[in-house]
C-alpha cells in the first residue's frame, strides 16, 4: 500500500511540472493521421468481407451437427 502512495505522489509531481511542448502539427501530419485511420477501416472491412463466408459456413456446420445429434438421440429413444 505504501508503494502505491509513493508511485501516485511521483506521478502527480511529474504531471504538475510538465511544460508546454510548443509543437506544430501541419496539415500534412493531419492528412497522414486521417489516411491511417481510413486505411485501418478499409483493411478491417476487407478482412471481414473475406472471412464472412467462412464464418457463415462454420456456423451452419455447427447447427447441422446439433440437429443430426438430436435426430440420432430421438431415434435411439424410440427403440
N, C-alpha and C. Protein backbone atom coordinates (compact mmCIF):
# COMPACT_ATOMS: atom_id res chain seq x y z
N UNK A 1 0.82 -1.19 0.00
CA UNK A 1 0.00 0.00 0.00
C UNK A 1 0.87 1.25 0.00
N UNK A 2 1.97 1.17 0.70
CA UNK A 2 2.86 2.32 0.78
C UNK A 2 3.52 2.61 -0.57
N UNK A 3 3.80 1.52 -1.32
CA UNK A 3 4.41 1.68 -2.64
C UNK A 3 3.47 2.41 -3.59
N UNK A 4 2.17 2.09 -3.50
CA UNK A 4 1.20 2.75 -4.37
C UNK A 4 1.13 4.24 -4.08
N UNK A 5 1.19 4.60 -2.82
CA UNK A 5 1.15 6.02 -2.47
C UNK A 5 2.37 6.75 -3.01
N UNK A 6 3.52 6.10 -2.94
CA UNK A 6 4.74 6.72 -3.46
C UNK A 6 4.66 6.89 -4.97
N UNK A 7 4.17 5.88 -5.65
CA UNK A 7 4.03 5.95 -7.11
C UNK A 7 3.04 7.05 -7.49
N UNK A 8 1.94 7.13 -6.79
CA UNK A 8 0.95 8.17 -7.08
C UNK A 8 1.53 9.55 -6.84
N UNK A 9 2.30 9.72 -5.77
CA UNK A 9 2.93 11.00 -5.49
C UNK A 9 3.93 11.38 -6.59
N UNK A 10 4.72 10.42 -7.03
CA UNK A 10 5.71 10.68 -8.08
C UNK A 10 5.01 11.06 -9.38
N UNK A 11 3.96 10.31 -9.75
CA UNK A 11 3.24 10.61 -10.99
C UNK A 11 2.56 11.98 -10.92
N UNK A 12 1.99 12.30 -9.77
CA UNK A 12 1.36 13.62 -9.59
C UNK A 12 2.40 14.72 -9.74
N UNK A 13 3.55 14.52 -9.15
CA UNK A 13 4.63 15.51 -9.25
C UNK A 13 5.07 15.69 -10.70
N UNK A 14 5.24 14.57 -11.41
CA UNK A 14 5.68 14.65 -12.81
C UNK A 14 4.65 15.35 -13.69
N UNK A 15 3.37 15.10 -13.44
CA UNK A 15 2.33 15.77 -14.22
C UNK A 15 2.25 17.25 -13.90
N UNK A 16 2.58 17.62 -12.69
CA UNK A 16 2.49 19.04 -12.30
C UNK A 16 3.65 19.87 -12.86
N UNK A 17 4.81 19.24 -13.10
CA UNK A 17 5.96 20.02 -13.55
C UNK A 17 6.14 20.01 -15.07
N UNK A 18 5.19 19.46 -15.78
CA UNK A 18 5.33 19.43 -17.24
C UNK A 18 5.24 20.84 -17.81
N UNK A 19 5.92 21.03 -18.92
CA UNK A 19 5.88 22.33 -19.58
C UNK A 19 5.27 22.16 -20.96
N UNK A 20 4.97 23.26 -21.60
CA UNK A 20 4.38 23.22 -22.94
C UNK A 20 5.42 22.72 -23.94
N UNK A 21 4.95 21.95 -24.92
CA UNK A 21 5.86 21.41 -25.93
C UNK A 21 6.06 22.38 -27.08
N UNK A 22 5.13 23.29 -27.29
CA UNK A 22 5.17 24.21 -28.41
C UNK A 22 5.36 23.46 -29.74
N UNK A 23 4.64 22.37 -29.88
CA UNK A 23 4.74 21.56 -31.08
C UNK A 23 3.80 22.10 -32.15
N UNK A 24 4.13 21.81 -33.39
CA UNK A 24 3.33 22.28 -34.52
C UNK A 24 2.93 21.08 -35.37
N UNK A 25 1.63 20.96 -35.59
CA UNK A 25 1.13 19.91 -36.47
C UNK A 25 0.65 20.59 -37.75
N UNK A 26 1.38 20.39 -38.83
CA UNK A 26 0.98 20.99 -40.09
C UNK A 26 -0.12 20.16 -40.75
N UNK A 27 -0.75 20.68 -41.78
CA UNK A 27 -1.84 19.94 -42.44
C UNK A 27 -1.40 18.58 -42.99
N UNK A 28 -0.13 18.45 -43.35
CA UNK A 28 0.36 17.17 -43.85
C UNK A 28 0.30 16.09 -42.78
N UNK A 29 0.57 16.45 -41.55
CA UNK A 29 0.52 15.49 -40.45
C UNK A 29 -0.92 15.05 -40.21
N UNK A 30 -1.84 16.00 -40.24
CA UNK A 30 -3.26 15.65 -40.08
C UNK A 30 -3.74 14.76 -41.20
N UNK A 31 -3.24 15.01 -42.39
CA UNK A 31 -3.61 14.19 -43.53
C UNK A 31 -3.11 12.76 -43.37
N UNK A 32 -1.90 12.60 -42.88
CA UNK A 32 -1.34 11.26 -42.67
C UNK A 32 -2.13 10.52 -41.60
N UNK A 33 -2.50 11.21 -40.53
CA UNK A 33 -3.29 10.58 -39.47
C UNK A 33 -4.64 10.14 -40.02
N UNK A 34 -5.30 11.01 -40.81
CA UNK A 34 -6.58 10.66 -41.42
C UNK A 34 -6.44 9.47 -42.35
N UNK A 35 -5.38 9.44 -43.15
CA UNK A 35 -5.15 8.30 -44.06
C UNK A 35 -4.95 7.01 -43.29
N UNK A 36 -4.25 7.08 -42.18
CA UNK A 36 -4.02 5.87 -41.36
C UNK A 36 -5.33 5.35 -40.80
N UNK A 37 -6.18 6.25 -40.33
CA UNK A 37 -7.48 5.82 -39.79
C UNK A 37 -8.34 5.20 -40.89
N UNK A 38 -8.38 5.85 -42.05
CA UNK A 38 -9.17 5.32 -43.16
C UNK A 38 -8.61 3.99 -43.67
N UNK A 39 -7.29 3.84 -43.69
CA UNK A 39 -6.68 2.58 -44.11
C UNK A 39 -7.03 1.46 -43.14
N UNK A 40 -7.06 1.76 -41.86
CA UNK A 40 -7.43 0.75 -40.86
C UNK A 40 -8.88 0.31 -41.07
N UNK A 41 -9.77 1.27 -41.29
CA UNK A 41 -11.18 0.94 -41.51
C UNK A 41 -11.35 0.12 -42.78
N UNK A 42 -10.66 0.50 -43.85
CA UNK A 42 -10.75 -0.23 -45.12
C UNK A 42 -10.18 -1.64 -44.97
N UNK A 43 -9.06 -1.77 -44.28
CA UNK A 43 -8.47 -3.09 -44.06
C UNK A 43 -9.37 -3.99 -43.23
N UNK A 44 -9.99 -3.43 -42.22
CA UNK A 44 -10.91 -4.21 -41.39
C UNK A 44 -12.12 -4.66 -42.20
N UNK A 45 -12.64 -3.78 -43.06
CA UNK A 45 -13.79 -4.13 -43.89
C UNK A 45 -13.45 -5.24 -44.87
N UNK A 46 -12.27 -5.17 -45.48
CA UNK A 46 -11.86 -6.22 -46.43
C UNK A 46 -11.66 -7.55 -45.71
N UNK A 47 -11.05 -7.51 -44.54
CA UNK A 47 -10.84 -8.73 -43.78
C UNK A 47 -12.15 -9.38 -43.40
N UNK A 48 -13.10 -8.58 -42.94
CA UNK A 48 -14.40 -9.13 -42.56
C UNK A 48 -15.11 -9.70 -43.79
N UNK A 49 -15.05 -9.00 -44.90
CA UNK A 49 -15.74 -9.49 -46.10
C UNK A 49 -15.10 -10.78 -46.61
N UNK A 50 -13.81 -10.93 -46.48
CA UNK A 50 -13.15 -12.16 -46.94
C UNK A 50 -13.46 -13.35 -46.04
N UNK A 51 -13.58 -13.12 -44.76
CA UNK A 51 -13.79 -14.22 -43.82
C UNK A 51 -15.25 -14.45 -43.48
N UNK A 52 -16.16 -13.59 -43.97
CA UNK A 52 -17.57 -13.71 -43.61
C UNK A 52 -18.17 -15.02 -44.12
N UNK A 53 -17.84 -15.42 -45.34
CA UNK A 53 -18.40 -16.66 -45.89
C UNK A 53 -17.92 -17.87 -45.08
N UNK A 54 -16.65 -17.88 -44.73
CA UNK A 54 -16.13 -18.99 -43.92
C UNK A 54 -16.81 -19.04 -42.56
N UNK A 55 -17.08 -17.89 -41.99
CA UNK A 55 -17.75 -17.82 -40.69
C UNK A 55 -19.18 -18.37 -40.80
N UNK A 56 -19.88 -17.99 -41.87
CA UNK A 56 -21.24 -18.47 -42.06
C UNK A 56 -21.26 -19.99 -42.24
N UNK A 57 -20.32 -20.52 -43.02
CA UNK A 57 -20.25 -21.96 -43.23
C UNK A 57 -19.97 -22.68 -41.92
N UNK A 58 -19.08 -22.12 -41.12
CA UNK A 58 -18.74 -22.72 -39.83
C UNK A 58 -19.97 -22.77 -38.91
N UNK A 59 -20.71 -21.70 -38.86
CA UNK A 59 -21.91 -21.65 -38.00
C UNK A 59 -22.96 -22.64 -38.51
N UNK A 60 -23.13 -22.73 -39.83
CA UNK A 60 -24.10 -23.67 -40.37
C UNK A 60 -23.72 -25.11 -40.04
N UNK A 61 -22.42 -25.42 -40.08
CA UNK A 61 -21.97 -26.77 -39.74
C UNK A 61 -22.27 -27.09 -38.29
N UNK A 62 -22.08 -26.13 -37.43
CA UNK A 62 -22.34 -26.36 -36.01
C UNK A 62 -23.82 -26.67 -35.79
N UNK A 63 -24.71 -25.90 -36.40
CA UNK A 63 -26.13 -26.13 -36.19
C UNK A 63 -26.60 -27.39 -36.89
N UNK A 64 -26.00 -27.77 -38.00
CA UNK A 64 -26.35 -29.02 -38.66
C UNK A 64 -25.95 -30.20 -37.80
N UNK A 65 -24.77 -30.13 -37.20
CA UNK A 65 -24.33 -31.22 -36.33
C UNK A 65 -25.24 -31.37 -35.14
N UNK A 66 -25.69 -30.25 -34.58
CA UNK A 66 -26.60 -30.33 -33.45
C UNK A 66 -27.92 -30.98 -33.85
N UNK A 67 -28.44 -30.65 -35.03
CA UNK A 67 -29.69 -31.25 -35.48
C UNK A 67 -29.51 -32.74 -35.73
N UNK A 68 -28.37 -33.13 -36.30
CA UNK A 68 -28.12 -34.55 -36.53
C UNK A 68 -28.03 -35.30 -35.22
N UNK A 69 -27.36 -34.71 -34.23
CA UNK A 69 -27.24 -35.36 -32.93
C UNK A 69 -28.61 -35.48 -32.26
N UNK A 70 -29.46 -34.48 -32.40
CA UNK A 70 -30.80 -34.53 -31.81
C UNK A 70 -31.63 -35.61 -32.49
N UNK A 71 -31.54 -35.67 -33.82
CA UNK A 71 -32.29 -36.70 -34.54
C UNK A 71 -31.81 -38.09 -34.17
N UNK A 72 -30.53 -38.29 -34.00
CA UNK A 72 -29.99 -39.60 -33.61
C UNK A 72 -30.44 -39.96 -32.20
N UNK A 73 -30.48 -38.97 -31.32
CA UNK A 73 -30.90 -39.24 -29.94
C UNK A 73 -32.38 -39.62 -29.89
N UNK A 74 -33.22 -38.96 -30.68
CA UNK A 74 -34.64 -39.29 -30.67
C UNK A 74 -34.88 -40.66 -31.29
N UNK A 75 -34.08 -41.05 -32.27
CA UNK A 75 -34.23 -42.38 -32.86
C UNK A 75 -33.85 -43.45 -31.85
N UNK A 76 -32.81 -43.21 -31.06
CA UNK A 76 -32.39 -44.17 -30.04
C UNK A 76 -33.42 -44.28 -28.92
N UNK A 77 -34.08 -43.16 -28.60
CA UNK A 77 -35.11 -43.18 -27.56
C UNK A 77 -36.33 -43.99 -27.99
N UNK A 78 -36.64 -43.97 -29.29
CA UNK A 78 -37.81 -44.70 -29.80
C UNK A 78 -37.58 -46.20 -29.78
N UNK A 79 -36.32 -46.64 -29.83
CA UNK A 79 -36.01 -48.08 -29.87
C UNK A 79 -36.27 -48.69 -28.56
